[in-house]
Amino acid sequence: MIIIEWILLIFLIVCAIAVSISRSLLNSVIIFMSYSLVMAVIWILLQSPDLAITEAAVGAGVTSTLFYLALKRIGRQHEAAKDKSDSKN
């Protein structure tokens, strides 16, 4: 069991570093979601199911969805501004 915990902890560290160095915002959101899911598994291993459910729901579910929707909206606004500037030229 200790080996699994160490693997999960190493994966958390890798995810934290990968989020900071990722150039794509969508990739960062996906890595953040996987970080939250692994953290939920760690909470279960620590026998804290209430925190695991909260982490899975809020961290992987709600927050990741909001980040994705924000990226989608920013992309639309960027495309609209680009189209507007292209039509002026």
Protein backbone atom coordinates (compact mmCIF):
# COMPACT_ATOMS: atom_id res chain seq x y z
CA MET A 1 0.00 0.00 0.00
CA ILE A 2 2.85 2.37 0.72
CA ILE A 3 4.16 1.97 -2.83
CA ILE A 4 0.83 3.13 -4.25
CA GLU A 5 0.86 6.17 -1.96
CA TRP A 6 4.36 7.11 -3.09
CA ILE A 7 3.39 6.72 -6.75
CA LEU A 8 0.37 8.98 -6.20
CA LEU A 9 2.48 11.58 -4.39
CA ILE A 10 5.05 11.60 -7.19
CA PHE A 11 2.23 11.95 -9.70
CA LEU A 12 0.91 14.96 -7.74
CA ILE A 13 4.31 16.63 -7.86
CA VAL A 14 4.61 15.94 -11.59
CA CYS A 15 1.13 17.38 -12.18
CA ALA A 16 1.93 20.51 -10.17
CA ILE A 17 5.10 21.11 -12.17
CA ALA A 18 3.39 20.29 -15.48
CA VAL A 19 0.60 22.81 -14.84
CA SER A 20 3.17 25.53 -14.25
CA ILE A 21 5.22 24.86 -17.37
CA SER A 22 2.41 23.95 -19.77
CA ARG A 23 1.99 26.42 -22.61
CA SER A 24 -1.53 25.40 -23.51
CA LEU A 25 -4.23 26.59 -21.14
CA LEU A 26 -6.50 23.68 -22.07
CA ASN A 27 -3.74 21.22 -21.18
CA SER A 28 -3.29 23.01 -17.87
CA VAL A 29 -6.99 22.58 -17.08
CA ILE A 30 -6.84 18.87 -17.92
CA ILE A 31 -3.72 18.39 -15.77
CA PHE A 32 -5.40 20.29 -12.94
CA MET A 33 -8.40 17.98 -13.19
CA SER A 34 -6.19 14.89 -12.98
CA TYR A 35 -4.40 16.45 -9.99
CA SER A 36 -7.72 16.86 -8.21
CA LEU A 37 -8.81 13.31 -8.97
CA VAL A 38 -5.55 11.86 -7.65
CA MET A 39 -5.86 14.04 -4.57
CA ALA A 40 -9.35 12.60 -4.02
CA VAL A 41 -7.88 9.08 -4.17
CA ILE A 42 -5.25 10.08 -1.63
CA TRP A 43 -7.96 11.39 0.69
CA ILE A 44 -9.71 8.02 0.41
CA LEU A 45 -6.45 6.23 1.28
CA LEU A 46 -6.14 8.50 4.31
CA GLN A 47 -9.64 7.35 5.33
CA SER A 48 -11.27 10.72 4.86
CA PRO A 49 -14.14 10.10 2.45
CA ASP A 50 -15.86 13.44 3.11
CA LEU A 51 -12.81 15.34 1.89
CA ALA A 52 -12.43 12.96 -1.04
CA ILE A 53 -15.98 13.61 -2.21
CA THR A 54 -15.50 17.36 -1.81
CA GLU A 55 -12.20 17.30 -3.71
CA ALA A 56 -13.68 15.26 -6.54
CA ALA A 57 -16.80 17.41 -6.81
CA VAL A 58 -15.25 20.83 -6.42
CA GLY A 59 -11.69 20.32 -7.65
CA ALA A 60 -12.20 17.99 -10.58
CA GLY A 61 -15.83 18.80 -11.32
CA VAL A 62 -16.92 22.37 -10.76
CA THR A 63 -13.60 24.20 -10.93
CA SER A 64 -12.38 22.38 -14.05
CA THR A 65 -15.71 22.98 -15.77
CA LEU A 66 -15.58 26.68 -14.95
CA PHE A 67 -11.99 26.92 -16.21
CA TYR A 68 -12.97 25.17 -19.46
CA LEU A 69 -15.99 27.43 -19.99
CA ALA A 70 -13.86 30.51 -19.32
CA LEU A 71 -11.29 29.34 -21.91
CA LYS A 72 -14.06 28.70 -24.42
CA ARG A 73 -15.53 32.17 -23.87
CA ILE A 74 -12.13 33.86 -24.12
CA GLY A 75 -11.51 32.01 -27.39
CA ARG A 76 -14.81 33.24 -28.84
CA GLN A 77 -14.10 36.82 -27.79
CA HIS A 78 -10.62 36.58 -29.28
CA GLU A 79 -12.02 35.27 -32.59
CA ALA A 80 -14.69 37.99 -32.66
CA ALA A 81 -12.07 40.69 -32.08
CA LYS A 82 -9.84 39.16 -34.76
CA ASP A 83 -12.72 39.05 -37.26
CA LYS A 84 -13.61 42.66 -36.45
CA SER A 85 -10.03 43.84 -37.01
CA ASP A 86 -9.78 41.82 -40.27
CA SER A 87 -12.97 43.38 -41.64
CA LYS A 88 -11.61 46.90 -41.00
CA ASN A 89 -8.55 46.22 -43.18
